[in-house]
Amino acid sequence: MKKPGRNAEKVLYALVGSEIRQYTGKDLEGMTALSPQEINMAVRELEKMGAVEVHLRTPQDPYLFTTTTLTAKGRAIFQVMAAPGCDT
């Protein structure tokens, strides 16, 4: 399994450590201190991995998505990353 990039990893950690619900780009900005552009790229990367589900009703500028939700696969990816000595 490909390890997510640094910003994607930050977003994944933030989502795993929070309650299960939909998060806006503004929410993620507050949780990670990343810029909107960094958040857009991280969410896109996580979506390609299947770690998050992206909702595209009416994107809220400057974000390219309305909300995002952590998936079961996202939790599994996090668990693999967090396992001691895991380098996959």
PDB file of N, CA and C in Angstrom:
ATOM      1  N   MET A   1       0.849  -1.183   0.000  1.00  0.00           N
ATOM      2  CA  MET A   1       0.000   0.000   0.000  1.00  0.00           C
ATOM      3  C   MET A   1       0.890   1.240   0.000  1.00  0.00           C
ATOM      4  N   LYS A   2       0.544   2.163  -0.860  1.00  0.00           N
ATOM      5  CA  LYS A   2       1.285   3.423  -0.943  1.00  0.00           C
ATOM      6  C   LYS A   2       0.945   4.292   0.268  1.00  0.00           C
ATOM      7  N   LYS A   3       1.979   4.824   0.892  1.00  0.00           N
ATOM      8  CA  LYS A   3       1.790   5.691   2.052  1.00  0.00           C
ATOM      9  C   LYS A   3       1.350   7.075   1.566  1.00  0.00           C
ATOM     10  N   PRO A   4       0.364   7.682   2.235  1.00  0.00           N
ATOM     11  CA  PRO A   4      -0.062   9.021   1.821  1.00  0.00           C
ATOM     12  C   PRO A   4       1.037  10.055   2.054  1.00  0.00           C
ATOM     13  N   GLY A   5       0.997  11.140   1.272  1.00  0.00           N
ATOM     14  CA  GLY A   5       1.929  12.237   1.442  1.00  0.00           C
ATOM     15  C   GLY A   5       1.736  12.911   2.788  1.00  0.00           C
ATOM     16  N   ARG A   6       2.642  13.804   3.120  1.00  0.00           N
ATOM     17  CA  ARG A   6       2.643  14.459   4.436  1.00  0.00           C
ATOM     18  C   ARG A   6       1.323  15.170   4.736  1.00  0.00           C
ATOM     19  N   ASN A   7       0.815  15.961   3.790  1.00  0.00           N
ATOM     20  CA  ASN A   7      -0.426  16.699   4.034  1.00  0.00           C
ATOM     21  C   ASN A   7      -1.632  15.768   4.089  1.00  0.00           C
ATOM     22  N   ALA A   8      -1.643  14.754   3.226  1.00  0.00           N
ATOM     23  CA  ALA A   8      -2.737  13.768   3.244  1.00  0.00           C
ATOM     24  C   ALA A   8      -2.717  13.022   4.578  1.00  0.00           C
ATOM     25  N   GLU A   9      -1.533  12.727   5.055  1.00  0.00           N
ATOM     26  CA  GLU A   9      -1.406  12.043   6.345  1.00  0.00           C
ATOM     27  C   GLU A   9      -1.947  12.933   7.473  1.00  0.00           C
ATOM     28  N   LYS A  10      -1.666  14.220   7.425  1.00  0.00           N
ATOM     29  CA  LYS A  10      -2.191  15.166   8.431  1.00  0.00           C
ATOM     30  C   LYS A  10      -3.719  15.161   8.438  1.00  0.00           C
ATOM     31  N   VAL A  11      -4.306  15.212   7.244  1.00  0.00           N
ATOM     32  CA  VAL A  11      -5.765  15.213   7.137  1.00  0.00           C
ATOM     33  C   VAL A  11      -6.319  13.887   7.643  1.00  0.00           C
ATOM     34  N   LEU A  12      -5.691  12.783   7.278  1.00  0.00           N
ATOM     35  CA  LEU A  12      -6.148  11.463   7.721  1.00  0.00           C
ATOM     36  C   LEU A  12      -6.094  11.363   9.244  1.00  0.00           C
ATOM     37  N   TYR A  13      -4.997  11.790   9.855  1.00  0.00           N
ATOM     38  CA  TYR A  13      -4.883  11.766  11.319  1.00  0.00           C
ATOM     39  C   TYR A  13      -5.977  12.620  11.959  1.00  0.00           C
ATOM     40  N   ALA A  14      -6.248  13.781  11.383  1.00  0.00           N
ATOM     41  CA  ALA A  14      -7.279  14.670  11.928  1.00  0.00           C
ATOM     42  C   ALA A  14      -8.653  14.004  11.868  1.00  0.00           C
ATOM     43  N   LEU A  15      -8.956  13.345  10.760  1.00  0.00           N
ATOM     44  CA  LEU A  15     -10.258  12.697  10.605  1.00  0.00           C
ATOM     45  C   LEU A  15     -10.395  11.494  11.530  1.00  0.00           C
ATOM     46  N   VAL A  16      -9.341  10.708  11.649  1.00  0.00           N
ATOM     47  CA  VAL A  16      -9.389   9.521  12.508  1.00  0.00           C
ATOM     48  C   VAL A  16      -9.561   9.928  13.971  1.00  0.00           C
ATOM     49  N   GLY A  17      -8.953  11.034  14.360  1.00  0.00           N
ATOM     50  CA  GLY A  17      -9.014  11.485  15.745  1.00  0.00           C
ATOM     51  C   GLY A  17     -10.257  12.274  16.096  1.00  0.00           C
ATOM     52  N   SER A  18     -11.205  12.383  15.175  1.00  0.00           N
ATOM     53  CA  SER A  18     -12.411  13.177  15.395  1.00  0.00           C
ATOM     54  C   SER A  18     -13.648  12.290  15.337  1.00  0.00           C
ATOM     55  N   GLU A  19     -14.775  12.863  15.695  1.00  0.00           N
ATOM     56  CA  GLU A  19     -16.017  12.102  15.606  1.00  0.00           C
ATOM     57  C   GLU A  19     -16.340  11.811  14.141  1.00  0.00           C
ATOM     58  N   ILE A  20     -17.110  10.765  13.920  1.00  0.00           N
ATOM     59  CA  ILE A  20     -17.463  10.378  12.557  1.00  0.00           C
ATOM     60  C   ILE A  20     -18.595  11.285  12.081  1.00  0.00           C
ATOM     61  N   ARG A  21     -18.279  12.138  11.126  1.00  0.00           N
ATOM     62  CA  ARG A  21     -19.259  13.032  10.515  1.00  0.00           C
ATOM     63  C   ARG A  21     -18.638  13.612   9.253  1.00  0.00           C
ATOM     64  N   GLN A  22     -19.385  14.451   8.564  1.00  0.00           N
ATOM     65  CA  GLN A  22     -18.870  15.117   7.373  1.00  0.00           C
ATOM     66  C   GLN A  22     -18.116  16.376   7.805  1.00  0.00           C
ATOM     67  N   TYR A  23     -16.971  16.629   7.143  1.00  0.00           N
ATOM     68  CA  TYR A  23     -16.154  17.791   7.454  1.00  0.00           C
ATOM     69  C   TYR A  23     -16.008  18.671   6.227  1.00  0.00           C
ATOM     70  N   THR A  24     -16.118  19.978   6.423  1.00  0.00           N
ATOM     71  CA  THR A  24     -15.914  20.932   5.335  1.00  0.00           C
ATOM     72  C   THR A  24     -14.419  21.235   5.223  1.00  0.00           C
ATOM     73  N   GLY A  25     -14.043  21.910   4.149  1.00  0.00           N
ATOM     74  CA  GLY A  25     -12.660  22.341   3.996  1.00  0.00           C
ATOM     75  C   GLY A  25     -12.245  23.261   5.136  1.00  0.00           C
ATOM     76  N   LYS A  26     -13.156  24.131   5.551  1.00  0.00           N
ATOM     77  CA  LYS A  26     -12.880  25.061   6.655  1.00  0.00           C
ATOM     78  C   LYS A  26     -12.620  24.282   7.949  1.00  0.00           C
ATOM     79  N   ASP A  27     -13.403  23.217   8.177  1.00  0.00           N
ATOM     80  CA  ASP A  27     -13.176  22.360   9.351  1.00  0.00           C
ATOM     81  C   ASP A  27     -11.764  21.783   9.310  1.00  0.00           C
ATOM     82  N   LEU A  28     -11.390  21.241   8.151  1.00  0.00           N
ATOM     83  CA  LEU A  28     -10.072  20.611   8.005  1.00  0.00           C
ATOM     84  C   LEU A  28      -8.952  21.634   8.168  1.00  0.00           C
ATOM     85  N   GLU A  29      -9.184  22.844   7.691  1.00  0.00           N
ATOM     86  CA  GLU A  29      -8.194  23.904   7.850  1.00  0.00           C
ATOM     87  C   GLU A  29      -7.938  24.170   9.328  1.00  0.00           C
ATOM     88  N   GLY A  30      -9.009  24.235  10.109  1.00  0.00           N
ATOM     89  CA  GLY A  30      -8.881  24.463  11.544  1.00  0.00           C
ATOM     90  C   GLY A  30      -8.225  23.299  12.271  1.00  0.00           C
ATOM     91  N   MET A  31      -8.425  22.089  11.771  1.00  0.00           N
ATOM     92  CA  MET A  31      -7.881  20.895  12.410  1.00  0.00           C
ATOM     93  C   MET A  31      -6.419  20.647  12.046  1.00  0.00           C
ATOM     94  N   THR A  32      -5.984  21.139  10.885  1.00  0.00           N
ATOM     95  CA  THR A  32      -4.647  20.789  10.389  1.00  0.00           C
ATOM     96  C   THR A  32      -3.718  21.979  10.183  1.00  0.00           C
ATOM     97  N   ALA A  33      -4.254  23.187  10.133  1.00  0.00           N
ATOM     98  CA  ALA A  33      -3.481  24.406   9.839  1.00  0.00           C
ATOM     99  C   ALA A  33      -2.881  24.379   8.428  1.00  0.00           C
ATOM    100  N   LEU A  34      -3.443  23.568   7.537  1.00  0.00           N
ATOM    101  CA  LEU A  34      -3.010  23.548   6.135  1.00  0.00           C
ATOM    102  C   LEU A  34      -3.756  24.622   5.358  1.00  0.00           C
ATOM    103  N   SER A  35      -3.189  25.053   4.247  1.00  0.00           N
ATOM    104  CA  SER A  35      -3.844  26.042   3.385  1.00  0.00           C
ATOM    105  C   SER A  35      -4.955  25.351   2.592  1.00  0.00           C
ATOM    106  N   PRO A  36      -5.920  26.108   2.065  1.00  0.00           N
ATOM    107  CA  PRO A  36      -6.967  25.513   1.243  1.00  0.00           C
ATOM    108  C   PRO A  36      -6.414  24.686   0.073  1.00  0.00           C
ATOM    109  N   GLN A  37      -5.378  25.177  -0.584  1.00  0.00           N
ATOM    110  CA  GLN A  37      -4.789  24.433  -1.700  1.00  0.00           C
ATOM    111  C   GLN A  37      -4.205  23.100  -1.221  1.00  0.00           C
ATOM    112  N   GLU A  38      -3.516  23.125  -0.093  1.00  0.00           N
ATOM    113  CA  GLU A  38      -2.942  21.891   0.465  1.00  0.00           C
ATOM    114  C   GLU A  38      -4.043  20.912   0.857  1.00  0.00           C
ATOM    115  N   ILE A  39      -5.134  21.429   1.410  1.00  0.00           N
ATOM    116  CA  ILE A  39      -6.259  20.579   1.794  1.00  0.00           C
ATOM    117  C   ILE A  39      -6.892  19.959   0.552  1.00  0.00           C
ATOM    118  N   ASN A  40      -7.120  20.753  -0.482  1.00  0.00           N
ATOM    119  CA  ASN A  40      -7.698  20.218  -1.725  1.00  0.00           C
ATOM    120  C   ASN A  40      -6.847  19.073  -2.275  1.00  0.00           C
ATOM    121  N   MET A  41      -5.542  19.259  -2.305  1.00  0.00           N
ATOM    122  CA  MET A  41      -4.645  18.232  -2.836  1.00  0.00           C
ATOM    123  C   MET A  41      -4.645  16.994  -1.939  1.00  0.00           C
ATOM    124  N   ALA A  42      -4.634  17.194  -0.625  1.00  0.00           N
ATOM    125  CA  ALA A  42      -4.623  16.071   0.318  1.00  0.00           C
ATOM    126  C   ALA A  42      -5.916  15.269   0.226  1.00  0.00           C
ATOM    127  N   VAL A  43      -7.047  15.953   0.160  1.00  0.00           N
ATOM    128  CA  VAL A  43      -8.344  15.272   0.061  1.00  0.00           C
ATOM    129  C   VAL A  43      -8.429  14.506  -1.256  1.00  0.00           C
ATOM    130  N   ARG A  44      -7.934  15.089  -2.337  1.00  0.00           N
ATOM    131  CA  ARG A  44      -7.931  14.402  -3.630  1.00  0.00           C
ATOM    132  C   ARG A  44      -7.083  13.127  -3.550  1.00  0.00           C
ATOM    133  N   GLU A  45      -5.921  13.226  -2.923  1.00  0.00           N
ATOM    134  CA  GLU A  45      -5.038  12.062  -2.764  1.00  0.00           C
ATOM    135  C   GLU A  45      -5.721  10.973  -1.935  1.00  0.00           C
ATOM    136  N   LEU A  46      -6.338  11.364  -0.817  1.00  0.00           N
ATOM    137  CA  LEU A  46      -7.024  10.395   0.035  1.00  0.00           C
ATOM    138  C   LEU A  46      -8.222   9.775  -0.670  1.00  0.00           C
ATOM    139  N   GLU A  47      -8.908  10.555  -1.495  1.00  0.00           N
ATOM    140  CA  GLU A  47     -10.045  10.022  -2.246  1.00  0.00           C
ATOM    141  C   GLU A  47      -9.568   8.948  -3.231  1.00  0.00           C
ATOM    142  N   LYS A  48      -8.461   9.199  -3.915  1.00  0.00           N
ATOM    143  CA  LYS A  48      -7.915   8.214  -4.862  1.00  0.00           C
ATOM    144  C   LYS A  48      -7.528   6.917  -4.154  1.00  0.00           C
ATOM    145  N   MET A  49      -7.106   7.021  -2.897  1.00  0.00           N
ATOM    146  CA  MET A  49      -6.736   5.840  -2.114  1.00  0.00           C
ATOM    147  C   MET A  49      -7.963   5.129  -1.558  1.00  0.00           C
ATOM    148  N   GLY A  50      -9.130   5.786  -1.610  1.00  0.00           N
ATOM    149  CA  GLY A  50     -10.346   5.216  -1.034  1.00  0.00           C
ATOM    150  C   GLY A  50     -10.485   5.501   0.453  1.00  0.00           C
ATOM    151  N   ALA A  51      -9.649   6.391   0.984  1.00  0.00           N
ATOM    152  CA  ALA A  51      -9.648   6.681   2.418  1.00  0.00           C
ATOM    153  C   ALA A  51     -10.749   7.644   2.840  1.00  0.00           C
ATOM    154  N   VAL A  52     -11.219   8.465   1.912  1.00  0.00           N
ATOM    155  CA  VAL A  52     -12.311   9.398   2.207  1.00  0.00           C
ATOM    156  C   VAL A  52     -13.329   9.361   1.071  1.00  0.00           C
ATOM    157  N   GLU A  53     -14.530   9.723   1.417  1.00  0.00           N
ATOM    158  CA  GLU A  53     -15.595   9.918   0.431  1.00  0.00           C
ATOM    159  C   GLU A  53     -15.805  11.419   0.321  1.00  0.00           C
ATOM    160  N   VAL A  54     -15.812  11.917  -0.900  1.00  0.00           N
ATOM    161  CA  VAL A  54     -15.948  13.353  -1.131  1.00  0.00           C
ATOM    162  C   VAL A  54     -17.356  13.654  -1.617  1.00  0.00           C
ATOM    163  N   HIS A  55     -17.952  14.685  -1.057  1.00  0.00           N
ATOM    164  CA  HIS A  55     -19.297  15.118  -1.427  1.00  0.00           C
ATOM    165  C   HIS A  55     -19.175  16.427  -2.210  1.00  0.00           C
ATOM    166  N   LEU A  56     -19.772  16.459  -3.387  1.00  0.00           N
ATOM    167  CA  LEU A  56     -19.594  17.600  -4.299  1.00  0.00           C
ATOM    168  C   LEU A  56     -20.911  18.310  -4.614  1.00  0.00           C
ATOM    169  N   ARG A  57     -21.669  18.674  -3.631  1.00  0.00           N
ATOM    170  CA  ARG A  57     -22.919  19.387  -3.917  1.00  0.00           C
ATOM    171  C   ARG A  57     -22.608  20.753  -4.528  1.00  0.00           C
ATOM    172  N   THR A  58     -22.240  21.707  -3.730  1.00  0.00           N
ATOM    173  CA  THR A  58     -21.839  23.022  -4.202  1.00  0.00           C
ATOM    174  C   THR A  58     -20.540  23.364  -3.509  1.00  0.00           C
ATOM    175  N   PRO A  59     -19.420  23.155  -4.183  1.00  0.00           N
ATOM    176  CA  PRO A  59     -18.131  23.430  -3.532  1.00  0.00           C
ATOM    177  C   PRO A  59     -18.064  24.849  -2.984  1.00  0.00           C
ATOM    178  N   GLN A  60     -17.428  24.967  -1.846  1.00  0.00           N
ATOM    179  CA  GLN A  60     -17.284  26.255  -1.167  1.00  0.00           C
ATOM    180  C   GLN A  60     -15.902  26.807  -1.466  1.00  0.00           C
ATOM    181  N   ASP A  61     -15.836  27.799  -2.347  1.00  0.00           N
ATOM    182  CA  ASP A  61     -14.569  28.410  -2.725  1.00  0.00           C
ATOM    183  C   ASP A  61     -13.817  28.824  -1.467  1.00  0.00           C
ATOM    184  N   PRO A  62     -12.584  28.511  -1.278  1.00  0.00           N
ATOM    185  CA  PRO A  62     -11.588  28.024  -2.222  1.00  0.00           C
ATOM    186  C   PRO A  62     -11.452  26.505  -2.263  1.00  0.00           C
ATOM    187  N   TYR A  63     -12.387  25.781  -1.646  1.00  0.00           N
ATOM    188  CA  TYR A  63     -12.291  24.326  -1.596  1.00  0.00           C
ATOM    189  C   TYR A  63     -12.988  23.704  -2.803  1.00  0.00           C
ATOM    190  N   LEU A  64     -12.455  22.588  -3.280  1.00  0.00           N
ATOM    191  CA  LEU A  64     -13.000  21.923  -4.461  1.00  0.00           C
ATOM    192  C   LEU A  64     -14.026  20.858  -4.107  1.00  0.00           C
ATOM    193  N   PHE A  65     -14.476  20.845  -2.870  1.00  0.00           N
ATOM    194  CA  PHE A  65     -15.465  19.878  -2.393  1.00  0.00           C
ATOM    195  C   PHE A  65     -16.341  20.561  -1.348  1.00  0.00           C
ATOM    196  N   THR A  66     -17.504  19.985  -1.105  1.00  0.00           N
ATOM    197  CA  THR A  66     -18.385  20.532  -0.078  1.00  0.00           C
ATOM    198  C   THR A  66     -18.014  19.947   1.279  1.00  0.00           C
ATOM    199  N   THR A  67     -18.046  18.611   1.368  1.00  0.00           N
ATOM    200  CA  THR A  67     -17.660  17.931   2.601  1.00  0.00           C
ATOM    201  C   THR A  67     -16.930  16.639   2.256  1.00  0.00           C
ATOM    202  N   THR A  68     -16.273  16.082   3.256  1.00  0.00           N
ATOM    203  CA  THR A  68     -15.594  14.796   3.098  1.00  0.00           C
ATOM    204  C   THR A  68     -15.815  13.978   4.359  1.00  0.00           C
ATOM    205  N   THR A  69     -15.827  12.660   4.187  1.00  0.00           N
ATOM    206  CA  THR A  69     -16.053  11.736   5.289  1.00  0.00           C
ATOM    207  C   THR A  69     -15.005  10.633   5.242  1.00  0.00           C
ATOM    208  N   LEU A  70     -14.499  10.239   6.384  1.00  0.00           N
ATOM    209  CA  LEU A  70     -13.561   9.128   6.480  1.00  0.00           C
ATOM    210  C   LEU A  70     -14.297   7.824   6.171  1.00  0.00           C
ATOM    211  N   THR A  71     -13.673   6.942   5.410  1.00  0.00           N
ATOM    212  CA  THR A  71     -14.258   5.639   5.089  1.00  0.00           C
ATOM    213  C   THR A  71     -13.649   4.556   5.984  1.00  0.00           C
ATOM    214  N   ALA A  72     -14.234   3.368   5.929  1.00  0.00           N
ATOM    215  CA  ALA A  72     -13.680   2.228   6.663  1.00  0.00           C
ATOM    216  C   ALA A  72     -12.265   1.930   6.154  1.00  0.00           C
ATOM    217  N   LYS A  73     -12.062   2.070   4.851  1.00  0.00           N
ATOM    218  CA  LYS A  73     -10.731   1.850   4.287  1.00  0.00           C
ATOM    219  C   LYS A  73      -9.746   2.885   4.835  1.00  0.00           C
ATOM    220  N   GLY A  74     -10.199   4.117   5.022  1.00  0.00           N
ATOM    221  CA  GLY A  74      -9.348   5.151   5.603  1.00  0.00           C
ATOM    222  C   GLY A  74      -8.898   4.783   7.007  1.00  0.00           C
ATOM    223  N   ARG A  75      -9.807   4.222   7.798  1.00  0.00           N
ATOM    224  CA  ARG A  75      -9.442   3.774   9.149  1.00  0.00           C
ATOM    225  C   ARG A  75      -8.422   2.636   9.077  1.00  0.00           C
ATOM    226  N   ALA A  76      -8.622   1.714   8.117  1.00  0.00           N
ATOM    227  CA  ALA A  76      -7.688   0.593   7.947  1.00  0.00           C
ATOM    228  C   ALA A  76      -6.309   1.103   7.528  1.00  0.00           C
ATOM    229  N   ILE A  77      -6.270   2.067   6.616  1.00  0.00           N
ATOM    230  CA  ILE A  77      -4.994   2.649   6.185  1.00  0.00           C
ATOM    231  C   ILE A  77      -4.287   3.277   7.382  1.00  0.00           C
ATOM    232  N   PHE A  78      -5.033   3.994   8.205  1.00  0.00           N
ATOM    233  CA  PHE A  78      -4.458   4.611   9.395  1.00  0.00           C
ATOM    234  C   PHE A  78      -3.886   3.552  10.333  1.00  0.00           C
ATOM    235  N   GLN A  79      -4.633   2.464  10.552  1.00  0.00           N
ATOM    236  CA  GLN A  79      -4.168   1.412  11.462  1.00  0.00           C
ATOM    237  C   GLN A  79      -2.875   0.779  10.968  1.00  0.00           C
ATOM    238  N   VAL A  80      -2.752   0.578   9.666  1.00  0.00           N
ATOM    239  CA  VAL A  80      -1.530   0.019   9.097  1.00  0.00           C
ATOM    240  C   VAL A  80      -0.374   0.997   9.295  1.00  0.00           C
ATOM    241  N   MET A  81      -0.646   2.285   9.055  1.00  0.00           N
ATOM    242  CA  MET A  81       0.404   3.309   9.217  1.00  0.00           C
ATOM    243  C   MET A  81       0.850   3.415  10.669  1.00  0.00           C
ATOM    244  N   ALA A  82      -0.090   3.255  11.595  1.00  0.00           N
ATOM    245  CA  ALA A  82       0.201   3.442  13.012  1.00  0.00           C
ATOM    246  C   ALA A  82       0.838   2.204  13.657  1.00  0.00           C
ATOM    247  N   ALA A  83       0.833   1.071  12.953  1.00  0.00           N
ATOM    248  CA  ALA A  83       1.394  -0.163  13.507  1.00  0.00           C
ATOM    249  C   ALA A  83       2.912  -0.016  13.677  1.00  0.00           C
ATOM    250  N   PRO A  84       3.448  -0.356  14.833  1.00  0.00           N
ATOM    251  CA  PRO A  84       4.895  -0.238  15.046  1.00  0.00           C
ATOM    252  C   PRO A  84       5.682  -1.091  14.046  1.00  0.00           C
ATOM    253  N   GLY A  85       6.704  -0.508  13.474  1.00  0.00           N
ATOM    254  CA  GLY A  85       7.574  -1.238  12.554  1.00  0.00           C
ATOM    255  C   GLY A  85       6.991  -1.490  11.198  1.00  0.00           C
ATOM    256  N   CYS A  86       5.831  -0.901  10.918  1.00  0.00           N
ATOM    257  CA  CYS A  86       5.198  -1.114   9.614  1.00  0.00           C
ATOM    258  C   CYS A  86       5.781  -0.140   8.594  1.00  0.00           C
ATOM    259  N   ASP A  87       6.239  -0.675   7.479  1.00  0.00           N
ATOM    260  CA  ASP A  87       6.797   0.187   6.444  1.00  0.00           C
ATOM    261  C   ASP A  87       6.109  -0.007   5.106  1.00  0.00           C
ATOM    262  N   THR A  88       4.880  -0.540   5.126  1.00  0.00           N
ATOM    263  CA  THR A  88       4.143  -0.754   3.878  1.00  0.00           C
ATOM    264  C   THR A  88       3.407   0.470   3.472  1.00  0.00           C
TER     265      THR A  88
END
